Protein backbone atom coordinates (compact mmCIF):
# COMPACT_ATOMS: atom_id res chain seq x y z
CA UNK A 1 0.00 0.00 0.00
CA UNK A 2 1.61 3.25 -1.14
CA UNK A 3 -0.19 6.03 0.62
CA UNK A 4 0.88 9.53 1.54
CA UNK A 5 -0.32 11.38 4.58
CA UNK A 6 -0.57 15.09 3.81
CA UNK A 7 -0.37 15.92 7.52
CA UNK A 8 3.05 14.23 7.64
CA UNK A 9 4.44 16.08 4.63
CA UNK A 10 5.07 19.55 6.02
CA UNK A 11 3.95 22.58 7.98
CA UNK A 12 2.46 25.75 6.59
CA UNK A 13 3.31 28.91 8.45
CA UNK A 14 1.77 32.29 7.78
CA UNK A 15 2.83 33.74 4.44
CA UNK A 16 3.07 37.42 3.63
CA UNK A 17 0.57 37.42 0.79
CA UNK A 18 -2.80 38.99 -0.09
CA UNK A 19 -5.75 37.08 1.33
CA UNK A 20 -9.46 37.14 2.11
CA UNK A 21 -10.16 36.36 5.77
CA UNK A 22 -13.62 35.25 6.84
CA UNK A 23 -14.48 35.25 10.56
CA UNK A 24 -17.44 32.98 11.30
CA UNK A 25 -19.23 33.47 14.62
CA UNK A 26 -22.81 33.41 15.85
CA UNK A 27 -22.41 35.07 19.24
CA UNK A 28 -23.30 38.76 18.90
CA UNK A 29 -21.20 39.79 21.90
CA UNK A 30 -18.13 38.15 20.36
CA UNK A 31 -18.98 39.73 17.03
CA UNK A 32 -19.11 43.21 18.56
CA UNK A 33 -15.85 42.58 20.37
CA UNK A 34 -14.26 41.39 17.12
CA UNK A 35 -15.34 44.56 15.33
CA UNK A 36 -13.67 46.65 18.01
CA UNK A 37 -10.52 44.59 17.67
CA UNK A 38 -10.52 44.93 13.89
CA UNK A 39 -11.05 48.69 14.16
CA UNK A 40 -7.56 48.97 15.68
CA UNK A 41 -6.08 47.12 12.69
CA UNK A 42 -8.21 47.99 9.68
CA UNK A 43 -11.23 50.17 8.98
CA UNK A 44 -12.58 48.09 6.13
CA UNK A 45 -14.60 44.94 6.60
CA UNK A 46 -17.82 43.43 5.30
CA UNK A 47 -20.34 42.30 7.89
CA UNK A 48 -23.02 39.67 7.38
CA UNK A 49 -25.38 37.92 9.77
CA UNK A 50 -22.90 35.34 11.06
CA UNK A 51 -19.59 36.44 9.55
CA UNK A 52 -17.18 39.29 9.02
CA UNK A 53 -14.96 39.37 5.93
CA UNK A 54 -11.85 41.46 5.34
CA UNK A 55 -9.28 41.76 2.58
CA UNK A 56 -5.64 42.03 3.67
CA UNK A 57 -2.50 42.75 1.67
CA UNK A 58 -0.34 40.66 3.98
CA UNK A 59 -1.69 37.61 5.82
CA UNK A 60 1.22 37.27 8.25
CA UNK A 61 1.30 41.00 9.07
CA UNK A 62 -2.42 40.99 9.81
CA UNK A 63 -2.27 38.11 12.29
CA UNK A 64 0.86 39.52 13.91
CA UNK A 65 -1.02 42.76 14.57
CA UNK A 66 -4.07 40.83 15.74
CA UNK A 67 -1.89 38.79 18.11
CA UNK A 68 -0.29 41.94 19.58
CA UNK A 69 -3.66 43.56 20.26
CA UNK A 70 -5.63 40.40 21.02
CA UNK A 71 -8.26 40.76 23.76
CA UNK A 72 -9.93 37.35 23.37
CA UNK A 73 -9.48 34.57 25.89
CA UNK A 74 -8.67 31.04 24.73
CA UNK A 75 -12.23 30.03 25.56
CA UNK A 76 -13.60 32.81 23.35
CA UNK A 77 -11.10 31.92 20.65
CA UNK A 78 -12.60 28.44 20.42
CA UNK A 79 -15.90 29.95 19.25
CA UNK A 80 -14.45 32.18 16.54
CA UNK A 81 -13.82 30.26 13.33
CA UNK A 82 -11.69 31.55 10.49
CA UNK A 83 -11.40 30.64 6.82
CA UNK A 84 -8.46 32.06 4.85
CA UNK A 85 -8.97 32.30 1.10
CA UNK A 86 -6.90 33.57 -1.78
CA UNK A 87 -7.55 37.26 -2.37
CA UNK A 88 -10.98 37.74 -3.97
CA UNK A 89 -11.90 34.05 -3.71
CA UNK A 90 -15.52 33.22 -2.89
CA UNK A 91 -16.42 31.30 0.27
CA UNK A 92 -17.74 27.78 -0.34
CA UNK A 93 -19.15 25.13 1.97
CA UNK A 94 -15.99 23.05 1.57
CA UNK A 95 -13.90 25.81 3.10
CA UNK A 96 -16.32 26.30 6.00
CA UNK A 97 -16.02 22.62 6.92
CA UNK A 98 -12.24 23.05 7.10
CA UNK A 99 -12.25 26.28 9.12
CA UNK A 100 -9.80 26.72 12.00
CA UNK A 101 -10.53 28.58 15.21
CA UNK A 102 -8.87 31.82 16.25
CA UNK A 103 -6.56 30.06 18.72
CA UNK A 104 -4.99 28.06 15.89
CA UNK A 105 -4.20 31.12 13.78
CA UNK A 106 -2.76 33.03 16.73
CA UNK A 107 -0.64 29.99 17.59
CA UNK A 108 1.03 30.30 14.18
CA UNK A 109 2.27 33.69 15.38
CA UNK A 110 3.14 32.65 18.94
CA UNK A 111 4.99 29.59 17.63
CA UNK A 112 6.89 31.31 14.82
CA UNK A 113 10.22 30.17 16.31
CA UNK A 114 9.02 26.56 16.32
CA UNK A 115 7.86 26.83 12.70
CA UNK A 116 11.26 28.19 11.59
CA UNK A 117 13.00 25.35 13.42
CA UNK A 118 10.79 22.76 11.78
CA UNK A 119 10.94 24.30 8.30
CA UNK A 120 14.73 24.35 8.50
CA UNK A 121 14.86 21.02 10.34
CA UNK A 122 17.07 22.68 12.95
CA UNK A 123 16.94 19.76 15.36
CA UNK A 124 19.67 17.90 17.17
CA UNK A 125 19.85 14.79 19.35
CA UNK A 126 21.33 14.10 22.79
CA UNK A 127 21.96 10.43 23.45
CA UNK A 128 20.95 9.31 26.95
CA UNK A 129 22.33 5.87 27.96
CA UNK A 130 20.02 3.01 28.91
CA UNK A 131 21.71 0.48 31.19
CA UNK A 132 20.97 -3.05 32.38
CA UNK A 133 21.11 -4.16 36.04
CA UNK A 134 24.86 -4.75 35.72
CA UNK A 135 25.26 -1.15 34.46
CA UNK A 136 26.16 -2.31 30.98
CA UNK A 137 24.84 0.02 28.26
CA UNK A 138 22.19 -1.68 26.15
CA UNK A 139 21.14 1.37 24.17
CA UNK A 140 20.54 5.10 23.98
CA UNK A 141 17.43 7.22 24.18
CA UNK A 142 17.34 9.92 21.50
CA UNK A 143 16.44 13.24 23.15
CA UNK A 144 15.38 15.85 20.62
CA UNK A 145 16.26 19.52 21.06
CA UNK A 146 15.57 22.45 18.76
CA UNK A 147 18.27 24.86 17.65
CA UNK A 148 17.34 28.55 17.64
CA UNK A 149 18.74 31.08 15.16
CA UNK A 150 21.37 32.19 17.70
CA UNK A 151 22.48 28.58 18.24
CA UNK A 152 20.84 28.18 21.65
CA UNK A 153 18.88 25.03 22.44
CA UNK A 154 15.08 25.01 22.45
CA UNK A 155 13.33 22.72 24.95
CA UNK A 156 11.23 19.77 23.76
CA UNK A 157 8.37 20.98 25.99
CA UNK A 158 8.06 24.14 23.85
CA UNK A 159 8.36 22.15 20.63
CA UNK A 160 5.69 19.60 21.60
CA UNK A 161 3.37 22.33 22.88
CA UNK A 162 3.61 24.24 19.60
CA UNK A 163 3.22 21.03 17.60
CA UNK A 164 -0.10 20.42 19.35
CA UNK A 165 -1.32 24.02 19.07
CA UNK A 166 -0.45 24.36 15.37
CA UNK A 167 -1.83 20.90 14.55
CA UNK A 168 1.53 19.80 13.15
CA UNK A 169 2.21 16.90 15.52
CA UNK A 170 2.19 14.41 12.61
CA UNK A 171 4.95 16.24 10.73
CA UNK A 172 6.89 17.14 13.88
CA UNK A 173 6.89 13.56 15.16
CA UNK A 174 7.95 12.21 11.76
CA UNK A 175 10.77 14.77 11.52
CA UNK A 176 12.01 13.91 15.02
CA UNK A 177 12.03 10.19 14.23
CA UNK A 178 14.02 10.76 11.05
CA UNK A 179 16.52 13.09 12.74
CA UNK A 180 17.02 10.47 15.48
CA UNK A 181 17.66 7.75 12.88
CA UNK A 182 20.10 9.93 10.94
CA UNK A 183 22.06 11.09 14.00
CA UNK A 184 22.21 7.56 15.41
CA UNK A 185 23.71 6.29 12.16
CA UNK A 186 26.22 9.15 12.11
CA UNK A 187 27.30 8.16 15.64
CA UNK A 188 27.75 4.57 14.53
CA UNK A 189 25.08 3.21 16.89
CA UNK A 190 24.27 0.15 14.80
CA UNK A 191 24.76 -2.61 17.38
CA UNK A 192 22.82 -1.14 20.31
CA UNK A 193 19.18 -0.31 20.92
CA UNK A 194 18.01 3.10 19.77
CA UNK A 195 15.06 4.51 21.74
CA UNK A 196 13.03 6.99 19.70
CA UNK A 197 10.20 8.87 21.39
CA UNK A 198 6.89 9.15 19.57
CA UNK A 199 3.36 10.38 20.18
CA UNK A 200 0.80 7.59 19.50
CA UNK A 201 -1.76 10.02 18.06
CA UNK A 202 0.78 10.98 15.37
CA UNK A 203 0.74 7.40 14.05
CA UNK A 204 -2.62 7.14 12.33
CA UNK A 205 -1.67 4.05 10.34
CA UNK A 206 1.70 2.42 11.21
CA UNK A 207 2.17 1.02 7.72
CA UNK A 208 1.81 4.50 6.21
CA UNK A 209 3.09 6.80 8.95
CA UNK A 210 6.27 4.84 9.69
CA UNK A 211 7.12 4.13 6.06
CA UNK A 212 9.67 6.94 5.62
CA UNK A 213 11.21 6.23 9.03
CA UNK A 214 11.79 2.56 8.21
CA UNK A 215 13.07 3.39 4.72
CA UNK A 216 15.58 5.81 6.24
CA UNK A 217 16.71 3.18 8.77
CA UNK A 218 17.19 0.72 5.91
CA UNK A 219 19.28 3.23 3.98
CA UNK A 220 21.67 3.38 6.96
CA UNK A 221 21.58 -0.40 7.47
CA UNK A 222 20.09 -0.07 10.96
CA UNK A 223 18.51 -3.27 12.20
CA UNK A 224 14.77 -3.09 12.74
CA UNK A 225 15.02 -5.08 15.95
CA UNK A 226 17.33 -2.43 17.42
CA UNK A 227 14.86 0.41 16.92
CA UNK A 228 12.62 1.05 19.93
CA UNK A 229 9.73 3.43 19.38
CA UNK A 230 8.88 4.65 22.87
CA UNK A 231 5.78 6.60 23.92
CA UNK A 232 6.84 10.02 25.22
CA UNK A 233 6.65 10.22 29.00
CA UNK A 234 4.51 13.36 29.04
CA UNK A 235 1.85 11.86 26.77
CA UNK A 236 -1.15 10.25 28.39
CA UNK A 237 -2.45 7.44 26.22
CA UNK A 238 -6.21 7.85 25.92
CA UNK A 239 -6.89 5.31 23.16
CA UNK A 240 -5.43 2.00 24.32
CA UNK A 241 -6.92 0.16 21.34
CA UNK A 242 -5.07 2.47 18.94
CA UNK A 243 -1.82 1.99 20.88
CA UNK A 244 -2.21 -1.79 20.70
CA UNK A 245 -2.68 -1.49 16.94
CA UNK A 246 0.66 0.33 16.76
CA UNK A 247 2.31 -2.26 19.02
CA UNK A 248 1.22 -4.99 16.61
CA UNK A 249 3.17 -3.39 13.75
CA UNK A 250 5.62 -6.10 12.59
CA UNK A 251 8.62 -3.82 12.03
CA UNK A 252 10.49 -2.30 14.95
CA UNK A 253 9.95 -2.60 18.67
CA UNK A 254 7.57 -0.55 20.78
CA UNK A 255 7.71 0.33 24.46
CA UNK A 256 6.10 2.63 26.99
CA UNK A 257 6.96 3.79 30.48
CA UNK A 258 4.77 2.74 33.36
CA UNK A 259 4.56 4.83 36.58
CA UNK A 260 7.39 2.81 38.17
CA UNK A 261 9.81 3.82 35.45
CA UNK A 262 10.20 0.33 33.99
CA UNK A 263 9.83 -0.57 30.35
CA UNK A 264 6.64 -2.26 29.28
CA UNK A 265 7.60 -3.74 25.94
CA UNK A 266 6.77 -6.18 23.18
CA UNK A 267 10.45 -7.10 22.97
CA UNK A 268 11.40 -10.37 24.71
CA UNK A 269 14.89 -9.09 25.67
CA UNK A 270 13.53 -6.33 27.88
CA UNK A 271 12.95 -6.91 31.55
CA UNK A 272 12.16 -4.88 34.63
CA UNK A 273 15.91 -4.72 35.18
CA UNK A 274 16.32 -2.33 32.26
CA UNK A 275 16.26 1.28 33.42
CA UNK A 276 17.47 4.69 32.40
CA UNK A 277 20.75 5.72 33.97
CA UNK A 278 19.13 8.64 35.79
CA UNK A 279 16.69 6.30 37.56
CA UNK A 280 19.24 4.08 39.24
């Protein structure tokens, strides 16, 4: 099966281009508040019963100004839906069904650093040793860090938060997996286990979503049985059935941390004696 997941293929930040922006909202109080907000940015807009439409010369500049003057709470932002069209394009039902709320669009501004990191694939890996009960190293956990424009490191907490807010977790997770594979090969880690963190919700279909990761591992001659896809510690698994579907994928090994810090795994060589070095 040769499928491509569009959500895994890239991230679209705000472009500085002409656009038609349609705000869709039914609450009159929110509508009045929106008009006051828009008055501080632009004096021209078209109002209809449940929408407000404006034409902008620069999409990114508009949302940057909106973000700077924003008076809406996150709760209010959930009830304001936005459709962005090419300049002069007519609104159609298809676009309404794919509208995004205000919080999403403002996140593209708030997470501009994250988007630049991801677009440029400015990510690096720190290798954290995993040891057995006799303190022998059995593998390394790949810890992803972003690299800012000034060369400073960007925390994974910020990266994951922005990935969720900008709905780019599929692409971010795929990019992290591929960077981990590439850096591991460059370090010559071919005969030890490589622990790669992943978010279960970013793997919609293992056969499709892990295709590029496995192909990259093959190109570096990394053994499938040495690759451990591990659920990120901060992620609470809500859909156990979906996780089990991922665990059944025949290529690679999958593991997750339980509250005691041990590895729960489908790999027969793991035991409760295997721990991270910082947990001994």
